[in-house]
Protein backbone atom coordinates (compact mmCIF):
# COMPACT_ATOMS: atom_id res chain seq x y z
CA MET A 1 46.27 -79.02 -39.26
CA LYS A 2 47.08 -77.80 -35.86
CA ARG A 3 46.99 -80.24 -32.65
CA SER A 4 46.03 -79.95 -29.60
CA GLU A 5 48.37 -80.91 -26.54
CA ASN A 6 46.85 -84.46 -26.70
CA ASN A 7 47.56 -85.09 -30.43
CA GLU A 8 44.18 -84.36 -31.92
CA PRO A 9 43.52 -81.77 -34.31
CA ALA A 10 41.74 -78.86 -32.58
CA ASP A 11 39.07 -77.08 -34.22
CA GLU A 12 39.56 -74.35 -36.36
CA LYS A 13 37.08 -72.11 -38.27
CA PRO A 14 37.84 -70.21 -41.18
CA ALA A 15 38.82 -66.64 -40.91
CA ALA A 16 36.01 -65.23 -42.76
CA ALA A 17 33.31 -67.48 -40.33
CA ARG A 18 34.16 -65.12 -37.27
CA ARG A 19 34.05 -62.03 -39.18
CA PRO A 20 30.52 -60.29 -38.68
CA THR A 21 27.99 -59.91 -41.52
CA LEU A 22 27.51 -57.03 -43.58
CA ARG A 23 23.96 -57.61 -41.95
CA GLN A 24 24.86 -58.10 -38.94
CA ILE A 25 26.91 -54.80 -38.70
CA GLU A 26 23.97 -52.98 -40.22
CA GLU A 27 22.07 -54.23 -36.88
CA GLU A 28 24.24 -53.34 -34.67
CA ILE A 29 24.77 -49.88 -36.34
CA ASP A 30 20.64 -49.59 -35.93
CA ARG A 31 20.87 -50.61 -32.17
CA LEU A 32 23.34 -48.48 -31.22
CA GLU A 33 21.75 -45.09 -33.21
CA SER A 34 18.25 -45.97 -31.52
CA GLY A 35 19.96 -46.12 -27.95
CA ARG A 36 21.60 -42.50 -28.65
CA LYS A 37 18.16 -41.30 -29.93
CA MET A 38 16.10 -42.93 -26.94
CA LYS A 39 18.69 -40.90 -24.20
CA LYS A 40 18.15 -38.21 -26.70
CA MET A 41 14.46 -38.26 -26.11
CA LEU A 42 14.93 -38.97 -22.28
CA ALA A 43 17.42 -35.69 -21.70
CA ASP A 44 14.84 -33.85 -23.95
CA THR A 45 11.63 -34.98 -22.28
CA ILE A 46 13.44 -33.67 -18.57
CA LYS A 47 14.47 -30.57 -19.84
CA ASN A 48 11.00 -30.40 -20.88
CA LEU A 49 9.42 -31.39 -17.50
CA ILE A 50 11.76 -29.02 -15.52
CA VAL A 51 10.46 -26.27 -17.53
CA ILE A 52 7.11 -26.92 -17.38
CA ALA A 53 7.31 -27.77 -13.40
CA ALA A 54 9.15 -23.91 -13.20
CA ALA A 55 6.69 -22.22 -15.38
CA SER A 56 3.97 -23.63 -13.17
CA VAL A 57 5.09 -22.47 -10.18
CA VAL A 58 5.88 -19.21 -11.74
CA VAL A 59 2.53 -18.84 -12.97
CA ALA A 60 0.65 -20.45 -9.40
CA ASN A 61 2.64 -17.97 -7.43
CA LEU A 62 1.63 -14.95 -9.58
CA LEU A 63 -2.27 -15.82 -10.41
CA ILE A 64 -3.08 -17.89 -7.03
CA GLY A 65 -2.42 -17.62 -3.43
CA VAL A 66 -3.21 -20.99 -0.99
CA LEU A 67 -3.86 -19.37 2.53
CA LEU A 68 -4.32 -20.82 5.96
CA VAL A 69 -7.06 -19.37 7.83
CA ASN A 70 -6.30 -18.97 11.40
CA ARG A 71 -8.87 -17.19 12.91
CA SER A 72 -12.95 -17.62 13.33
CA SER A 73 -14.45 -13.94 11.63
CA MET A 74 -15.57 -15.69 8.79
CA ALA A 75 -17.04 -18.52 10.65
CA PRO A 76 -19.40 -20.39 9.10
CA THR A 77 -18.12 -19.45 5.90
CA VAL A 78 -14.78 -20.17 6.58
CA SER A 79 -13.40 -21.92 10.17
CA ASP A 80 -10.55 -21.91 11.72
CA GLY A 81 -7.68 -24.35 9.93
CA ASP A 82 -9.48 -24.10 6.64
CA VAL A 83 -7.15 -24.22 3.66
CA VAL A 84 -8.21 -21.65 0.86
CA ILE A 85 -7.21 -20.63 -2.72
CA ALA A 86 -7.35 -16.60 -3.56
CA LEU A 87 -7.33 -16.02 -7.29
CA ARG A 88 -5.09 -12.59 -7.89
CA TRP A 89 -5.44 -9.78 -10.12
CA VAL A 90 -9.05 -10.13 -10.91
CA SER A 91 -11.90 -7.11 -9.91
CA VAL A 92 -13.99 -7.75 -6.86
CA LYS A 93 -17.25 -6.86 -6.19
CA PRO A 94 -20.11 -6.54 -3.19
CA GLY A 95 -20.69 -10.09 -1.81
CA ASP A 96 -16.69 -11.56 -2.76
CA ILE A 97 -14.47 -12.69 0.31
CA ILE A 98 -11.11 -11.32 -0.02
CA ALA A 99 -7.45 -11.82 1.40
CA PHE A 100 -5.92 -8.62 2.09
CA HIS A 101 -2.79 -7.48 3.74
CA TYR A 102 -3.24 -5.45 7.03
CA ASN A 103 0.01 -5.11 9.72
CA ASN A 104 1.82 -7.71 8.29
CA LYS A 105 -1.09 -10.38 8.25
CA VAL A 106 -3.27 -11.79 5.55
CA LEU A 107 -7.08 -11.26 6.90
CA LEU A 108 -9.99 -12.94 5.08
CA LYS A 109 -13.30 -10.34 4.91
CA ARG A 110 -16.23 -10.47 2.69
CA VAL A 111 -16.69 -7.62 0.53
CA ILE A 112 -20.15 -5.06 1.38
CA ALA A 113 -19.63 -2.60 -0.67
CA LYS A 114 -17.53 -0.55 -3.04
CA GLU A 115 -16.58 2.89 -3.48
CA GLY A 116 -19.10 5.78 -3.40
CA ASP A 117 -21.13 3.46 -1.81
CA LEU A 118 -23.17 4.54 1.60
CA VAL A 119 -23.21 2.32 4.21
CA ASP A 120 -25.16 2.05 7.05
CA ILE A 121 -25.91 -0.39 9.88
CA ASP A 122 -28.38 -0.18 12.37
CA GLY A 123 -28.05 -1.21 16.33
CA ASP A 124 -29.76 -4.56 15.64
CA GLY A 125 -26.70 -5.19 12.76
CA MET A 126 -28.84 -4.51 9.61
CA VAL A 127 -26.79 -3.26 7.20
CA TYR A 128 -27.87 -0.54 4.73
CA VAL A 129 -26.30 0.29 1.38
CA ASN A 130 -27.58 3.09 -0.50
CA ASN A 131 -30.31 2.84 1.75
CA GLU A 132 -31.12 -0.54 0.62
CA ALA A 133 -31.14 -3.49 3.33
CA LEU A 134 -28.32 -6.14 2.54
CA SER A 135 -29.91 -9.68 1.88
CA GLU A 136 -27.07 -11.83 3.57
CA PRO A 137 -27.97 -15.25 3.79
CA TYR A 138 -24.57 -16.34 4.78
CA LEU A 139 -24.90 -15.02 8.44
CA THR A 140 -26.00 -16.69 10.85
CA GLU A 141 -26.66 -13.64 12.84
CA LYS A 142 -26.55 -10.14 13.09
CA SER A 143 -24.87 -8.38 15.41
CA LEU A 144 -23.48 -4.30 15.06
CA GLY A 145 -20.37 -5.56 16.71
CA GLU A 146 -17.21 -3.39 17.87
CA CYS A 147 -18.00 -0.18 15.16
CA ASP A 148 -16.28 3.36 16.23
CA ILE A 149 -16.48 4.81 12.40
CA GLY A 150 -19.18 7.75 11.64
CA LEU A 151 -22.55 6.31 10.02
CA PRO A 152 -23.65 6.52 7.71
CA TYR A 153 -20.60 6.00 6.00
CA VAL A 154 -19.14 6.90 2.22
CA VAL A 155 -16.54 3.87 0.97
CA PRO A 156 -13.42 6.04 -0.39
CA VAL A 157 -12.10 6.33 -3.93
CA GLY A 158 -10.49 2.86 -4.43
CA CYS A 159 -11.41 1.14 -1.19
CA VAL A 160 -13.78 -1.36 -0.76
CA PHE A 161 -16.22 -1.83 2.68
CA VAL A 162 -15.45 -5.16 4.68
CA MET A 163 -16.66 -7.14 7.07
CA GLY A 164 -16.50 -10.54 8.68
CA ASP A 165 -19.35 -13.11 8.69
CA HIS A 166 -19.04 -13.70 12.17
CA ARG A 167 -20.13 -9.81 12.96
CA GLU A 168 -19.88 -10.03 16.82
CA THR A 169 -16.43 -10.82 16.95
CA SER A 170 -14.87 -9.55 13.63
CA ALA A 171 -12.83 -6.85 13.35
CA ASP A 172 -12.95 -4.97 9.98
CA SER A 173 -13.73 -1.77 7.98
CA ARG A 174 -16.47 -1.01 10.79
CA LEU A 175 -13.14 0.03 12.96
CA ARG A 176 -11.08 2.99 12.04
CA GLU A 177 -7.92 1.16 12.75
CA ILE A 178 -8.62 -1.13 10.06
CA GLY A 179 -11.33 0.86 7.88
CA PRO A 180 -11.88 0.54 3.88
CA VAL A 181 -9.41 -1.79 2.15
CA SER A 182 -7.44 -0.32 -0.58
CA SER A 183 -7.37 -2.19 -3.91
CA GLU A 184 -3.39 -1.97 -3.84
CA TYR A 185 -3.66 -4.45 -0.32
CA ILE A 186 -6.18 -6.80 -1.85
CA VAL A 187 -4.46 -10.38 -2.23
CA GLY A 188 -7.21 -11.71 -3.98
CA LYS A 189 -10.43 -13.03 -4.38
CA VAL A 190 -11.02 -16.24 -2.16
CA ILE A 191 -12.56 -18.86 -4.71
CA MET A 192 -12.12 -22.70 -3.04
CA ARG A 193 -11.71 -24.14 0.02
CA ILE A 194 -8.91 -27.26 -0.19
CA TRP A 195 -9.24 -28.14 2.73
CA PRO A 196 -10.19 -29.97 4.58
CA LEU A 197 -11.55 -32.92 2.08
CA PRO A 198 -14.73 -33.17 3.48
CA LYS A 199 -15.60 -29.47 3.05
CA ILE A 200 -13.57 -28.51 -0.32
CA GLY A 201 -15.80 -26.77 -2.67
CA PHE A 202 -16.88 -23.16 -2.88
CA PRO A 203 -17.52 -21.37 0.33
CA ASP A 204 -20.87 -18.79 -0.49
């Protein structure tokens, strides 16, 4: 028997008592295996989230555009400082608000007539499409505004005739400088206002 320095017997356990049991070994293996599975699951989850996030950004850029309004030509429907969403690659019809490229800018206007339609405007600002007065509940007042095109006007093929809701100040298809908007310049149809929060919703 081994003795300690003070000549007392030293505690000594049998070698077998210091060896882990088979159950302990199996539990340790299970613990390590679970740790590896958890790490792999976490890594796979992170990879999937990155792929989903990247795909979402691509889809968002392809399908929608987020636009800041910095003019008042569509007031009161859409005002300066509003943020709107425009849906790309959709067909547009009279009454829709669209965003389109013009001179390195993006303008928002309302579609009044489509290709082949005959547009006329009288001195009081009443708009006629194919000789029928246009109902425009979104206007607060009518105005001929600036207009230097020949009236009545036939909308060319592949184009739409647009006007702002604030007719007195809007520069739109009534001016030769802008004219009808070709489909290739249309960014998308405005479907929703997302800012400011009190005004969030669908523009008329």
